[in-house]
Amino acid sequence: MVALRIAEVRQKTDDELASMLEERARERLNLRFRQATGELENTARAREARREIARIKTVLNERAKGS
C-alpha cells in the first residue's frame, strides 16, 4: 500500500475521509495484534498507518474550523 500524501487527502470529501479513517484505524489495530504475536514482517507499516490517521484527522479538523 502506498502512503497517502496530504494533497491526496485534501482532495477527498468528508465522507470519504471518515471512511478512510475507520479503515486505517481497523488496519492499525490489526497491525498491533500481528506485531504482538510476532507475525508482522513489515514493522514500518504500523508507523505509516499511524501517520496516515494523523493526516486524515488534521484535514478533518481544519475543515471543521473553517480554515
C-alpha atoms as a PDB file:
ATOM      1  CA  MET A   1       0.000   0.000   0.000  1.00  0.00           C
ATOM      2  CA  VAL A   2       1.315   3.411  -0.970  1.00  0.00           C
ATOM      3  CA  ALA A   3       1.462   6.143   1.663  1.00  0.00           C
ATOM      4  CA  LEU A   4      -1.131   8.882   1.421  1.00  0.00           C
ATOM      5  CA  ARG A   5       0.084  12.320   0.515  1.00  0.00           C
ATOM      6  CA  ILE A   6      -1.530  15.309   2.183  1.00  0.00           C
ATOM      7  CA  ALA A   7      -2.589  16.665  -1.228  1.00  0.00           C
ATOM      8  CA  GLU A   8      -4.477  13.423  -1.906  1.00  0.00           C
ATOM      9  CA  VAL A   9      -6.183  13.623   1.474  1.00  0.00           C
ATOM     10  CA  ARG A  10      -7.297  17.225   0.903  1.00  0.00           C
ATOM     11  CA  GLN A  11      -8.996  16.221  -2.377  1.00  0.00           C
ATOM     12  CA  LYS A  12     -11.313  13.744  -0.642  1.00  0.00           C
ATOM     13  CA  THR A  13     -14.772  14.573   0.682  1.00  0.00           C
ATOM     14  CA  ASP A  14     -15.574  14.431   4.390  1.00  0.00           C
ATOM     15  CA  ASP A  15     -17.466  11.166   3.930  1.00  0.00           C
ATOM     16  CA  GLU A  16     -14.542   9.600   2.093  1.00  0.00           C
ATOM     17  CA  LEU A  17     -12.170  10.764   4.817  1.00  0.00           C
ATOM     18  CA  ALA A  18     -14.378   9.316   7.559  1.00  0.00           C
ATOM     19  CA  SER A  19     -14.435   6.018   5.722  1.00  0.00           C
ATOM     20  CA  MET A  20     -10.664   6.071   5.241  1.00  0.00           C
ATOM     21  CA  LEU A  21     -10.150   6.925   8.906  1.00  0.00           C
ATOM     22  CA  GLU A  22     -12.242   3.963  10.008  1.00  0.00           C
ATOM     23  CA  GLU A  23     -10.391   1.678   7.596  1.00  0.00           C
ATOM     24  CA  ARG A  24      -6.953   2.860   8.782  1.00  0.00           C
ATOM     25  CA  ALA A  25      -7.944   2.511  12.443  1.00  0.00           C
ATOM     26  CA  ARG A  26      -9.016  -1.098  11.823  1.00  0.00           C
ATOM     27  CA  GLU A  27      -5.784  -1.743   9.926  1.00  0.00           C
ATOM     28  CA  ARG A  28      -3.705  -0.237  12.740  1.00  0.00           C
ATOM     29  CA  LEU A  29      -5.416  -2.425  15.322  1.00  0.00           C
ATOM     30  CA  ASN A  30      -4.783  -5.484  13.176  1.00  0.00           C
ATOM     31  CA  LEU A  31      -1.126  -4.491  12.771  1.00  0.00           C
ATOM     32  CA  ARG A  32      -0.746  -4.051  16.528  1.00  0.00           C
ATOM     33  CA  PHE A  33      -2.099  -7.555  17.154  1.00  0.00           C
ATOM     34  CA  ARG A  34       0.143  -9.039  14.475  1.00  0.00           C
ATOM     35  CA  GLN A  35       3.165  -7.263  15.935  1.00  0.00           C
ATOM     36  CA  ALA A  36       2.358  -8.504  19.445  1.00  0.00           C
ATOM     37  CA  THR A  37       2.167 -12.100  18.214  1.00  0.00           C
ATOM     38  CA  GLY A  38       5.340 -11.772  16.146  1.00  0.00           C
ATOM     39  CA  GLU A  39       3.605 -12.210  12.788  1.00  0.00           C
ATOM     40  CA  LEU A  40       4.287  -8.700  11.494  1.00  0.00           C
ATOM     41  CA  GLU A  41       7.137  -8.625   8.983  1.00  0.00           C
ATOM     42  CA  ASN A  42       6.884  -5.008   7.829  1.00  0.00           C
ATOM     43  CA  THR A  43       7.029  -3.062  11.078  1.00  0.00           C
ATOM     44  CA  ALA A  44       7.264   0.235   9.199  1.00  0.00           C
ATOM     45  CA  ARG A  45       3.653  -0.215   8.032  1.00  0.00           C
ATOM     46  CA  ALA A  46       2.392   0.321  11.601  1.00  0.00           C
ATOM     47  CA  ARG A  47       4.128   3.691  11.743  1.00  0.00           C
ATOM     48  CA  GLU A  48       2.881   4.593   8.282  1.00  0.00           C
ATOM     49  CA  ALA A  49      -0.718   3.747   9.226  1.00  0.00           C
ATOM     50  CA  ARG A  50      -0.447   5.911  12.352  1.00  0.00           C
ATOM     51  CA  ARG A  51       0.789   8.846  10.286  1.00  0.00           C
ATOM     52  CA  GLU A  52      -1.980   8.409   7.711  1.00  0.00           C
ATOM     53  CA  ILE A  53      -4.532   8.544  10.528  1.00  0.00           C
ATOM     54  CA  ALA A  54      -2.935  11.779  11.725  1.00  0.00           C
ATOM     55  CA  ARG A  55      -3.067  13.293   8.226  1.00  0.00           C
ATOM     56  CA  ILE A  56      -6.745  12.454   7.854  1.00  0.00           C
ATOM     57  CA  LYS A  57      -7.613  13.822  11.296  1.00  0.00           C
ATOM     58  CA  THR A  58      -5.665  17.010  10.576  1.00  0.00           C
ATOM     59  CA  VAL A  59      -7.629  17.707   7.402  1.00  0.00           C
ATOM     60  CA  LEU A  60     -10.946  16.932   9.091  1.00  0.00           C
ATOM     61  CA  ASN A  61     -10.099  19.287  11.966  1.00  0.00           C
ATOM     62  CA  GLU A  62      -9.028  22.040   9.568  1.00  0.00           C
ATOM     63  CA  ARG A  63     -12.330  21.749   7.731  1.00  0.00           C
ATOM     64  CA  ALA A  64     -14.297  21.767  10.987  1.00  0.00           C
ATOM     65  CA  LYS A  65     -12.602  25.009  12.000  1.00  0.00           C
ATOM     66  CA  GLY A  66     -13.204  26.532   8.585  1.00  0.00           C
ATOM     67  CA  SER A  67      -9.555  27.007   7.658  1.00  0.00           C
END
